[in-house]
Amino acid sequence: MMDININLEVGRNIRRLREAKKLTLDGAAAATGVSRSMLAQIEKGDVNPTISVLWKIANGYKVSFTSLVETGMEDAAVIRAGDITPIMEDGGNYMNYPVFAFDDRKLFETYRIVIKPGGCLKARPHLAGTEEYITLFCGQAVIEAAGQEWELAEGDSIRFKADTAHGYRNPGTGNAEMSMVIFYGRQ
């Protein structure tokens, strides 16, 4: 059974990445737009950062989102839904469950996303060349990217360039549940 404490994993990874880039906390704050005190709390595992804060850090460090939440690579891994602590946004109406972390050999990461009715997330642009692949398994969702909007129904899928501002929202009356793959392309 895999027990994932997302706060501690995120903290260790952010500290490891900051140190690998030879950044002080002040330098990391300047690169990411996240305050020095918040970065220190995150590195200690004292807070559960929002998705927006994690994306700021990932973009500032020029790394993938899941490099912040990865737990290591094994020959095989079964990830039980109940073992993953979701990363919350929009007051808990947008839940991101990091499933498989980024791997330099594969250039992608996967998530399970649950958006409650009326929930939404506005995402900042990812690294240049990044694409997202989403399949909606339950409910309704509206995906926005590059000034366009697409309505998805149960079973629909979409691929879009995610190196521009984009967003997700649930206009329905039930939860929207989807699988998300983020592909980072070759830089």
N, C-alpha and C. Protein backbone atom coordinates (compact mmCIF):
# COMPACT_ATOMS: atom_id res chain seq x y z
N MET A 1 0.85 -1.19 0.00
CA MET A 1 0.00 0.00 0.00
C MET A 1 0.88 1.24 0.00
N MET A 2 0.61 2.16 -0.88
CA MET A 2 1.40 3.37 -0.98
C MET A 2 0.72 4.47 -0.16
N ASP A 3 1.42 5.02 0.83
CA ASP A 3 0.89 6.09 1.66
C ASP A 3 1.57 7.38 1.23
N ILE A 4 0.79 8.30 0.69
CA ILE A 4 1.35 9.52 0.17
C ILE A 4 0.95 10.69 1.06
N ASN A 5 1.93 11.33 1.71
CA ASN A 5 1.69 12.57 2.43
C ASN A 5 2.14 13.68 1.50
N ILE A 6 1.20 14.27 0.82
CA ILE A 6 1.50 15.20 -0.26
C ILE A 6 2.28 16.42 0.25
N ASN A 7 1.96 16.90 1.46
CA ASN A 7 2.65 18.09 1.97
C ASN A 7 4.14 17.83 2.16
N LEU A 8 4.49 16.67 2.74
CA LEU A 8 5.91 16.36 2.95
C LEU A 8 6.63 16.10 1.63
N GLU A 9 5.97 15.37 0.70
CA GLU A 9 6.58 15.10 -0.61
C GLU A 9 6.82 16.40 -1.37
N VAL A 10 5.82 17.27 -1.39
CA VAL A 10 5.96 18.56 -2.08
C VAL A 10 7.10 19.36 -1.46
N GLY A 11 7.14 19.41 -0.15
CA GLY A 11 8.19 20.16 0.54
C GLY A 11 9.59 19.66 0.20
N ARG A 12 9.76 18.34 0.25
CA ARG A 12 11.08 17.76 -0.07
C ARG A 12 11.47 18.06 -1.51
N ASN A 13 10.53 17.88 -2.41
CA ASN A 13 10.83 18.09 -3.83
C ASN A 13 11.15 19.55 -4.13
N ILE A 14 10.38 20.47 -3.56
CA ILE A 14 10.62 21.89 -3.82
C ILE A 14 11.98 22.30 -3.27
N ARG A 15 12.32 21.82 -2.09
CA ARG A 15 13.62 22.13 -1.50
C ARG A 15 14.75 21.54 -2.37
N ARG A 16 14.59 20.28 -2.78
CA ARG A 16 15.60 19.61 -3.61
C ARG A 16 15.81 20.38 -4.92
N LEU A 17 14.72 20.78 -5.56
CA LEU A 17 14.82 21.51 -6.82
C LEU A 17 15.44 22.89 -6.62
N ARG A 18 15.06 23.57 -5.54
CA ARG A 18 15.63 24.90 -5.24
C ARG A 18 17.14 24.78 -5.02
N GLU A 19 17.54 23.79 -4.24
CA GLU A 19 18.96 23.61 -3.96
C GLU A 19 19.73 23.20 -5.21
N ALA A 20 19.12 22.37 -6.08
CA ALA A 20 19.78 21.97 -7.32
C ALA A 20 19.99 23.18 -8.24
N LYS A 21 19.11 24.14 -8.14
CA LYS A 21 19.23 25.36 -8.94
C LYS A 21 20.06 26.42 -8.24
N LYS A 22 20.58 26.06 -7.04
CA LYS A 22 21.44 26.95 -6.24
C LYS A 22 20.74 28.27 -5.93
N LEU A 23 19.46 28.17 -5.58
CA LEU A 23 18.69 29.36 -5.23
C LEU A 23 18.52 29.45 -3.71
N THR A 24 18.62 30.65 -3.19
CA THR A 24 18.24 30.89 -1.81
C THR A 24 16.72 30.99 -1.78
N LEU A 25 16.14 31.03 -0.60
CA LEU A 25 14.69 31.23 -0.52
C LEU A 25 14.29 32.57 -1.14
N ASP A 26 15.12 33.59 -0.95
CA ASP A 26 14.84 34.89 -1.57
C ASP A 26 14.90 34.80 -3.09
N GLY A 27 15.90 34.09 -3.61
CA GLY A 27 16.01 33.90 -5.06
C GLY A 27 14.84 33.10 -5.61
N ALA A 28 14.41 32.08 -4.87
CA ALA A 28 13.26 31.27 -5.28
C ALA A 28 11.99 32.11 -5.29
N ALA A 29 11.85 32.97 -4.29
CA ALA A 29 10.67 33.84 -4.23
C ALA A 29 10.64 34.77 -5.43
N ALA A 30 11.80 35.31 -5.79
CA ALA A 30 11.87 36.20 -6.96
C ALA A 30 11.55 35.46 -8.26
N ALA A 31 12.02 34.21 -8.37
CA ALA A 31 11.80 33.43 -9.59
C ALA A 31 10.35 32.96 -9.74
N THR A 32 9.68 32.72 -8.62
CA THR A 32 8.35 32.11 -8.67
C THR A 32 7.20 33.06 -8.41
N GLY A 33 7.47 34.16 -7.73
CA GLY A 33 6.38 35.05 -7.34
C GLY A 33 5.66 34.57 -6.09
N VAL A 34 6.21 33.56 -5.41
CA VAL A 34 5.66 33.05 -4.16
C VAL A 34 6.53 33.59 -3.04
N SER A 35 5.92 34.09 -1.98
CA SER A 35 6.69 34.72 -0.91
C SER A 35 7.69 33.77 -0.28
N ARG A 36 8.75 34.35 0.26
CA ARG A 36 9.80 33.59 0.94
C ARG A 36 9.21 32.78 2.09
N SER A 37 8.35 33.41 2.88
CA SER A 37 7.77 32.72 4.04
C SER A 37 6.88 31.56 3.61
N MET A 38 6.12 31.73 2.53
CA MET A 38 5.28 30.64 2.03
C MET A 38 6.14 29.49 1.53
N LEU A 39 7.21 29.82 0.80
CA LEU A 39 8.12 28.77 0.31
C LEU A 39 8.73 28.00 1.49
N ALA A 40 9.12 28.71 2.53
CA ALA A 40 9.71 28.05 3.70
C ALA A 40 8.69 27.12 4.36
N GLN A 41 7.45 27.56 4.49
CA GLN A 41 6.40 26.72 5.08
C GLN A 41 6.13 25.49 4.21
N ILE A 42 6.11 25.68 2.90
CA ILE A 42 5.89 24.56 1.98
C ILE A 42 7.04 23.56 2.10
N GLU A 43 8.27 24.05 2.11
CA GLU A 43 9.43 23.15 2.19
C GLU A 43 9.43 22.34 3.48
N LYS A 44 8.90 22.89 4.55
CA LYS A 44 8.81 22.17 5.83
C LYS A 44 7.64 21.20 5.87
N GLY A 45 6.73 21.31 4.90
CA GLY A 45 5.54 20.46 4.90
C GLY A 45 4.47 20.96 5.84
N ASP A 46 4.56 22.24 6.24
CA ASP A 46 3.61 22.80 7.20
C ASP A 46 2.30 23.25 6.57
N VAL A 47 2.26 23.44 5.26
CA VAL A 47 1.04 23.92 4.59
C VAL A 47 0.72 23.03 3.40
N ASN A 48 -0.54 23.06 2.99
CA ASN A 48 -1.00 22.36 1.79
C ASN A 48 -1.20 23.43 0.72
N PRO A 49 -0.20 23.65 -0.15
CA PRO A 49 -0.29 24.73 -1.13
C PRO A 49 -1.39 24.47 -2.16
N THR A 50 -1.94 25.56 -2.69
CA THR A 50 -2.96 25.45 -3.72
C THR A 50 -2.30 25.06 -5.05
N ILE A 51 -3.11 24.64 -5.98
CA ILE A 51 -2.62 24.31 -7.32
C ILE A 51 -1.98 25.52 -7.97
N SER A 52 -2.58 26.69 -7.79
CA SER A 52 -2.03 27.92 -8.38
C SER A 52 -0.63 28.21 -7.86
N VAL A 53 -0.42 28.03 -6.55
CA VAL A 53 0.90 28.25 -5.97
C VAL A 53 1.90 27.24 -6.52
N LEU A 54 1.49 25.97 -6.61
CA LEU A 54 2.40 24.95 -7.15
C LEU A 54 2.76 25.25 -8.60
N TRP A 55 1.80 25.72 -9.40
CA TRP A 55 2.11 26.05 -10.80
C TRP A 55 3.08 27.22 -10.87
N LYS A 56 2.93 28.21 -9.97
CA LYS A 56 3.87 29.33 -9.95
C LYS A 56 5.29 28.82 -9.69
N ILE A 57 5.40 27.90 -8.73
CA ILE A 57 6.71 27.35 -8.40
C ILE A 57 7.26 26.54 -9.58
N ALA A 58 6.43 25.67 -10.16
CA ALA A 58 6.88 24.86 -11.30
C ALA A 58 7.33 25.74 -12.45
N ASN A 59 6.55 26.75 -12.78
CA ASN A 59 6.91 27.64 -13.88
C ASN A 59 8.16 28.45 -13.55
N GLY A 60 8.26 28.93 -12.31
CA GLY A 60 9.43 29.70 -11.89
C GLY A 60 10.71 28.87 -11.92
N TYR A 61 10.60 27.60 -11.54
CA TYR A 61 11.76 26.71 -11.55
C TYR A 61 11.97 26.07 -12.93
N LYS A 62 11.00 26.26 -13.84
CA LYS A 62 11.03 25.68 -15.19
C LYS A 62 11.09 24.15 -15.13
N VAL A 63 10.16 23.59 -14.34
CA VAL A 63 10.05 22.14 -14.18
C VAL A 63 8.59 21.75 -14.35
N SER A 64 8.34 20.45 -14.47
CA SER A 64 6.96 19.97 -14.57
C SER A 64 6.26 20.07 -13.22
N PHE A 65 4.95 20.15 -13.27
CA PHE A 65 4.14 20.22 -12.05
C PHE A 65 4.39 19.00 -11.17
N THR A 66 4.36 17.80 -11.75
CA THR A 66 4.51 16.61 -10.91
C THR A 66 5.92 16.41 -10.41
N SER A 67 6.91 17.12 -10.93
CA SER A 67 8.23 17.01 -10.32
C SER A 67 8.17 17.57 -8.90
N LEU A 68 7.14 18.35 -8.60
CA LEU A 68 6.95 18.87 -7.25
C LEU A 68 6.26 17.86 -6.34
N VAL A 69 5.50 16.91 -6.91
CA VAL A 69 4.73 15.97 -6.08
C VAL A 69 5.13 14.51 -6.31
N GLU A 70 6.19 14.27 -7.07
CA GLU A 70 6.58 12.89 -7.38
C GLU A 70 7.07 12.15 -6.14
N THR A 71 6.91 10.81 -6.16
CA THR A 71 7.31 9.99 -5.03
C THR A 71 8.35 8.93 -5.40
N GLY A 72 8.82 8.91 -6.62
CA GLY A 72 9.83 7.92 -7.01
C GLY A 72 9.31 6.99 -8.08
N MET A 73 10.21 6.18 -8.65
CA MET A 73 9.84 5.29 -9.75
C MET A 73 10.13 3.85 -9.37
N GLU A 74 9.14 2.98 -9.56
CA GLU A 74 9.30 1.55 -9.31
C GLU A 74 9.00 0.80 -10.61
N ASP A 75 9.22 -0.54 -10.60
CA ASP A 75 8.91 -1.34 -11.77
C ASP A 75 7.42 -1.31 -12.08
N ALA A 76 6.60 -1.33 -11.05
CA ALA A 76 5.15 -1.25 -11.21
C ALA A 76 4.59 -0.55 -9.98
N ALA A 77 3.51 0.15 -10.16
CA ALA A 77 2.89 0.84 -9.03
C ALA A 77 1.39 0.84 -9.21
N VAL A 78 0.69 0.45 -8.17
CA VAL A 78 -0.76 0.57 -8.13
C VAL A 78 -1.06 1.74 -7.21
N ILE A 79 -1.76 2.69 -7.73
CA ILE A 79 -2.10 3.87 -6.95
C ILE A 79 -3.57 3.75 -6.55
N ARG A 80 -3.81 3.61 -5.27
CA ARG A 80 -5.18 3.51 -4.76
C ARG A 80 -5.74 4.91 -4.57
N ALA A 81 -6.95 5.12 -5.02
CA ALA A 81 -7.58 6.44 -4.94
C ALA A 81 -7.55 7.00 -3.53
N GLY A 82 -7.80 6.18 -2.55
CA GLY A 82 -7.84 6.64 -1.17
C GLY A 82 -6.48 6.99 -0.59
N ASP A 83 -5.40 6.62 -1.28
CA ASP A 83 -4.05 6.88 -0.78
C ASP A 83 -3.50 8.23 -1.23
N ILE A 84 -4.20 8.92 -2.12
CA ILE A 84 -3.71 10.18 -2.65
C ILE A 84 -4.44 11.34 -1.98
N THR A 85 -3.69 12.26 -1.42
CA THR A 85 -4.27 13.47 -0.87
C THR A 85 -4.45 14.46 -2.02
N PRO A 86 -5.68 14.90 -2.27
CA PRO A 86 -5.88 15.82 -3.39
C PRO A 86 -5.30 17.21 -3.09
N ILE A 87 -4.93 17.88 -4.15
CA ILE A 87 -4.53 19.27 -4.07
C ILE A 87 -5.78 20.07 -4.41
N MET A 88 -6.20 20.92 -3.50
CA MET A 88 -7.47 21.62 -3.64
C MET A 88 -7.30 23.04 -4.18
N GLU A 89 -8.32 23.49 -4.87
CA GLU A 89 -8.40 24.85 -5.37
C GLU A 89 -9.87 25.25 -5.32
N ASP A 90 -10.16 26.52 -5.48
CA ASP A 90 -11.53 27.03 -5.54
C ASP A 90 -12.33 26.57 -4.32
N GLY A 91 -11.75 26.73 -3.14
CA GLY A 91 -12.46 26.38 -1.91
C GLY A 91 -12.83 24.92 -1.79
N GLY A 92 -12.05 24.04 -2.43
CA GLY A 92 -12.33 22.61 -2.40
C GLY A 92 -13.25 22.14 -3.51
N ASN A 93 -13.64 23.04 -4.41
CA ASN A 93 -14.52 22.66 -5.52
C ASN A 93 -13.76 22.08 -6.71
N TYR A 94 -12.44 22.25 -6.72
CA TYR A 94 -11.58 21.68 -7.77
C TYR A 94 -10.54 20.84 -7.06
N MET A 95 -10.54 19.54 -7.33
CA MET A 95 -9.62 18.62 -6.66
C MET A 95 -8.73 17.93 -7.70
N ASN A 96 -7.43 18.04 -7.49
CA ASN A 96 -6.44 17.46 -8.39
C ASN A 96 -5.73 16.34 -7.64
N TYR A 97 -5.85 15.12 -8.15
CA TYR A 97 -5.20 13.95 -7.57
C TYR A 97 -4.00 13.59 -8.44
N PRO A 98 -2.76 13.94 -8.02
CA PRO A 98 -1.60 13.58 -8.82
C PRO A 98 -1.41 12.06 -8.81
N VAL A 99 -1.48 11.43 -9.97
CA VAL A 99 -1.43 9.97 -10.04
C VAL A 99 -0.03 9.50 -10.42
N PHE A 100 0.43 9.84 -11.62
CA PHE A 100 1.76 9.43 -12.05
C PHE A 100 2.59 10.67 -12.35
N ALA A 101 3.72 10.78 -11.68
CA ALA A 101 4.59 11.94 -11.78
C ALA A 101 5.36 11.98 -13.09
N PHE A 102 5.82 13.15 -13.41
CA PHE A 102 6.64 13.37 -14.58
C PHE A 102 7.90 12.51 -14.52
N ASP A 103 8.31 12.01 -15.65
CA ASP A 103 9.53 11.21 -15.78
C ASP A 103 10.24 11.74 -17.03
N ASP A 104 11.51 12.10 -16.89
CA ASP A 104 12.28 12.65 -18.03
C ASP A 104 12.26 11.76 -19.25
N ARG A 105 12.10 10.46 -19.05
CA ARG A 105 12.10 9.53 -20.19
C ARG A 105 10.75 9.51 -20.90
N LYS A 106 9.68 9.91 -20.21
CA LYS A 106 8.35 9.83 -20.80
C LYS A 106 7.75 11.18 -21.14
N LEU A 107 8.18 12.24 -20.50
CA LEU A 107 7.77 13.62 -20.78
C LEU A 107 6.29 13.91 -20.54
N PHE A 108 5.65 13.13 -19.66
CA PHE A 108 4.25 13.41 -19.34
C PHE A 108 3.99 13.11 -17.87
N GLU A 109 2.83 13.59 -17.41
CA GLU A 109 2.34 13.30 -16.06
C GLU A 109 0.83 13.15 -16.14
N THR A 110 0.24 12.42 -15.18
CA THR A 110 -1.20 12.18 -15.23
C THR A 110 -1.86 12.56 -13.91
N TYR A 111 -3.11 12.96 -14.03
CA TYR A 111 -3.92 13.37 -12.88
C TYR A 111 -5.33 12.83 -13.01
N ARG A 112 -5.98 12.71 -11.88
CA ARG A 112 -7.43 12.52 -11.83
C ARG A 112 -7.98 13.82 -11.28
N ILE A 113 -8.93 14.40 -11.98
CA ILE A 113 -9.51 15.69 -11.60
C ILE A 113 -10.98 15.50 -11.27
N VAL A 114 -11.42 16.10 -10.17
CA VAL A 114 -12.84 16.11 -9.80
C VAL A 114 -13.21 17.58 -9.59
N ILE A 115 -14.24 18.02 -10.32
CA ILE A 115 -14.72 19.39 -10.17
C ILE A 115 -16.18 19.33 -9.71
N LYS A 116 -16.45 19.92 -8.56
CA LYS A 116 -17.82 19.95 -8.05
C LYS A 116 -18.64 20.94 -8.87
N PRO A 117 -19.98 20.82 -8.84
CA PRO A 117 -20.83 21.75 -9.59
C PRO A 117 -20.47 23.21 -9.28
N GLY A 118 -20.27 23.99 -10.33
CA GLY A 118 -19.90 25.39 -10.18
C GLY A 118 -18.42 25.62 -9.94
N GLY A 119 -17.65 24.57 -9.74
CA GLY A 119 -16.22 24.71 -9.48
C GLY A 119 -15.43 25.06 -10.73
N CYS A 120 -14.29 25.70 -10.52
CA CYS A 120 -13.46 26.07 -11.67
C CYS A 120 -12.02 26.27 -11.25
N LEU A 121 -11.16 26.31 -12.24
CA LEU A 121 -9.74 26.62 -12.05
C LEU A 121 -9.27 27.39 -13.28
N LYS A 122 -8.63 28.51 -13.04
CA LYS A 122 -7.96 29.27 -14.11
C LYS A 122 -6.48 28.94 -13.98
N ALA A 123 -5.90 28.37 -15.02
CA ALA A 123 -4.51 27.94 -14.98
C ALA A 123 -3.62 28.88 -15.78
N ARG A 124 -2.43 29.07 -15.27
CA ARG A 124 -1.43 29.87 -15.98
C ARG A 124 -0.84 29.04 -17.11
N PRO A 125 -0.23 29.68 -18.08
CA PRO A 125 0.42 28.92 -19.16
C PRO A 125 1.52 28.02 -18.62
N HIS A 126 1.62 26.83 -19.19
CA HIS A 126 2.70 25.91 -18.86
C HIS A 126 3.90 26.24 -19.74
N LEU A 127 4.95 25.46 -19.64
CA LEU A 127 6.14 25.66 -20.44
C LEU A 127 5.81 25.59 -21.93
N ALA A 128 6.57 26.27 -22.75
CA ALA A 128 6.35 26.28 -24.21
C ALA A 128 6.30 24.85 -24.75
N GLY A 129 5.33 24.58 -25.62
CA GLY A 129 5.19 23.27 -26.24
C GLY A 129 4.36 22.27 -25.45
N THR A 130 3.87 22.66 -24.27
CA THR A 130 3.08 21.75 -23.44
C THR A 130 1.68 21.57 -24.02
N GLU A 131 1.20 20.32 -23.97
CA GLU A 131 -0.15 19.99 -24.41
C GLU A 131 -0.88 19.26 -23.29
N GLU A 132 -2.20 19.42 -23.23
CA GLU A 132 -3.01 18.67 -22.28
C GLU A 132 -3.96 17.78 -23.05
N TYR A 133 -4.18 16.59 -22.50
CA TYR A 133 -5.11 15.60 -23.05
C TYR A 133 -6.08 15.25 -21.94
N ILE A 134 -7.36 15.53 -22.16
CA ILE A 134 -8.37 15.32 -21.12
C ILE A 134 -9.46 14.42 -21.66
N THR A 135 -9.90 13.47 -20.83
CA THR A 135 -11.08 12.66 -21.12
C THR A 135 -12.03 12.82 -19.95
N LEU A 136 -13.26 13.21 -20.25
CA LEU A 136 -14.29 13.40 -19.23
C LEU A 136 -15.06 12.09 -19.07
N PHE A 137 -15.02 11.52 -17.87
CA PHE A 137 -15.69 10.25 -17.62
C PHE A 137 -17.07 10.41 -17.01
N CYS A 138 -17.32 11.55 -16.37
CA CYS A 138 -18.58 11.74 -15.67
C CYS A 138 -18.89 13.22 -15.61
N GLY A 139 -20.15 13.59 -15.87
CA GLY A 139 -20.58 14.98 -15.74
C GLY A 139 -20.36 15.80 -16.98
N GLN A 140 -20.23 17.12 -16.75
CA GLN A 140 -20.02 18.09 -17.82
C GLN A 140 -18.82 18.95 -17.46
N ALA A 141 -18.14 19.46 -18.49
CA ALA A 141 -17.02 20.38 -18.25
C ALA A 141 -16.90 21.34 -19.42
N VAL A 142 -16.43 22.52 -19.10
CA VAL A 142 -16.08 23.51 -20.12
C VAL A 142 -14.59 23.75 -20.00
N ILE A 143 -13.89 23.60 -21.11
CA ILE A 143 -12.45 23.81 -21.17
C ILE A 143 -12.21 25.08 -21.97
N GLU A 144 -11.38 25.96 -21.44
CA GLU A 144 -11.04 27.21 -22.12
C GLU A 144 -9.54 27.24 -22.38
N ALA A 145 -9.16 27.66 -23.57
CA ALA A 145 -7.74 27.82 -23.89
C ALA A 145 -7.62 28.73 -25.10
N ALA A 146 -6.63 29.58 -25.06
CA ALA A 146 -6.33 30.48 -26.18
C ALA A 146 -7.56 31.22 -26.68
N GLY A 147 -8.40 31.67 -25.76
CA GLY A 147 -9.57 32.45 -26.14
C GLY A 147 -10.73 31.64 -26.70
N GLN A 148 -10.63 30.33 -26.70
CA GLN A 148 -11.71 29.47 -27.18
C GLN A 148 -12.29 28.70 -26.01
N GLU A 149 -13.49 28.16 -26.23
CA GLU A 149 -14.18 27.41 -25.19
C GLU A 149 -14.81 26.17 -25.81
N TRP A 150 -14.67 25.03 -25.13
CA TRP A 150 -15.24 23.78 -25.60
C TRP A 150 -16.06 23.15 -24.49
N GLU A 151 -17.26 22.72 -24.82
CA GLU A 151 -18.11 22.03 -23.86
C GLU A 151 -17.94 20.53 -24.05
N LEU A 152 -17.64 19.83 -22.95
CA LEU A 152 -17.46 18.38 -23.00
C LEU A 152 -18.58 17.69 -22.25
N ALA A 153 -19.05 16.60 -22.82
CA ALA A 153 -20.04 15.74 -22.17
C ALA A 153 -19.35 14.42 -21.84
N GLU A 154 -20.01 13.63 -21.04
CA GLU A 154 -19.49 12.33 -20.61
C GLU A 154 -18.92 11.55 -21.80
N GLY A 155 -17.68 11.10 -21.69
CA GLY A 155 -17.05 10.31 -22.74
C GLY A 155 -16.25 11.13 -23.75
N ASP A 156 -16.41 12.47 -23.75
CA ASP A 156 -15.68 13.32 -24.69
C ASP A 156 -14.23 13.50 -24.25
N SER A 157 -13.38 13.77 -25.23
CA SER A 157 -11.96 14.03 -24.96
C SER A 157 -11.54 15.28 -25.71
N ILE A 158 -10.47 15.90 -25.23
CA ILE A 158 -9.92 17.10 -25.88
C ILE A 158 -8.41 17.10 -25.73
N ARG A 159 -7.75 17.65 -26.74
CA ARG A 159 -6.32 17.93 -26.69
C ARG A 159 -6.17 19.40 -27.02
N PHE A 160 -5.35 20.12 -26.24
CA PHE A 160 -5.13 21.53 -26.54
C PHE A 160 -3.74 21.96 -26.09
N LYS A 161 -3.25 23.03 -26.70
CA LYS A 161 -1.97 23.61 -26.32
C LYS A 161 -2.15 24.31 -24.98
N ALA A 162 -1.33 23.92 -24.01
CA ALA A 162 -1.48 24.44 -22.65
C ALA A 162 -0.39 25.44 -22.29
N ASP A 163 0.30 25.97 -23.32
CA ASP A 163 1.31 26.99 -23.05
C ASP A 163 0.73 28.39 -23.16
N THR A 164 -0.59 28.45 -22.97
CA THR A 164 -1.34 29.70 -22.92
C THR A 164 -2.28 29.60 -21.72
N ALA A 165 -2.82 30.71 -21.28
CA ALA A 165 -3.77 30.68 -20.17
C ALA A 165 -4.93 29.77 -20.54
N HIS A 166 -5.38 28.98 -19.58
CA HIS A 166 -6.48 28.05 -19.84
C HIS A 166 -7.25 27.80 -18.56
N GLY A 167 -8.40 27.13 -18.68
CA GLY A 167 -9.20 26.90 -17.49
C GLY A 167 -10.18 25.76 -17.67
N TYR A 168 -10.75 25.37 -16.53
CA TYR A 168 -11.69 24.25 -16.48
C TYR A 168 -12.83 24.67 -15.56
N ARG A 169 -14.06 24.34 -15.94
CA ARG A 169 -15.18 24.60 -15.03
C ARG A 169 -16.27 23.58 -15.24
N ASN A 170 -17.06 23.42 -14.21
CA ASN A 170 -18.16 22.47 -14.24
C ASN A 170 -19.48 23.25 -14.21
N PRO A 171 -20.18 23.31 -15.35
CA PRO A 171 -21.46 24.02 -15.39
C PRO A 171 -22.64 23.13 -14.99
N GLY A 172 -22.38 21.86 -14.71
CA GLY A 172 -23.45 20.90 -14.45
C GLY A 172 -23.91 20.87 -13.01
N THR A 173 -24.77 19.89 -12.72
CA THR A 173 -25.34 19.75 -11.38
C THR A 173 -24.70 18.61 -10.60
N GLY A 174 -23.85 17.80 -11.26
CA GLY A 174 -23.13 16.71 -10.60
C GLY A 174 -21.64 16.92 -10.77
N ASN A 175 -20.84 16.11 -10.10
CA ASN A 175 -19.39 16.21 -10.23
C ASN A 175 -18.94 15.93 -11.66
N ALA A 176 -17.92 16.64 -12.10
CA ALA A 176 -17.23 16.35 -13.36
C ALA A 176 -15.97 15.59 -12.96
N GLU A 177 -15.77 14.40 -13.53
CA GLU A 177 -14.59 13.60 -13.22
C GLU A 177 -13.85 13.30 -14.52
N MET A 178 -12.56 13.61 -14.50
CA MET A 178 -11.78 13.47 -15.73
C MET A 178 -10.38 12.98 -15.47
N SER A 179 -9.79 12.48 -16.52
CA SER A 179 -8.38 12.09 -16.53
C SER A 179 -7.64 13.16 -17.32
N MET A 180 -6.48 13.57 -16.81
CA MET A 180 -5.69 14.60 -17.48
C MET A 180 -4.26 14.09 -17.67
N VAL A 181 -3.77 14.21 -18.89
CA VAL A 181 -2.37 13.92 -19.18
C VAL A 181 -1.76 15.24 -19.65
N ILE A 182 -0.65 15.61 -19.04
CA ILE A 182 0.08 16.80 -19.47
C ILE A 182 1.37 16.31 -20.12
N PHE A 183 1.52 16.66 -21.41
CA PHE A 183 2.68 16.26 -22.19
C PHE A 183 3.56 17.49 -22.39
N TYR A 184 4.83 17.38 -22.00
CA TYR A 184 5.73 18.53 -22.02
C TYR A 184 6.50 18.69 -23.31
N GLY A 185 6.43 17.78 -24.23
CA GLY A 185 7.11 17.92 -25.51
C GLY A 185 8.61 18.00 -25.34
N ARG A 186 9.27 18.11 -26.41
CA ARG A 186 10.74 18.21 -26.37
C ARG A 186 11.11 19.67 -26.48
N GLN A 187 11.75 20.17 -25.46
CA GLN A 187 12.10 21.60 -25.40
C GLN A 187 13.30 21.89 -26.27
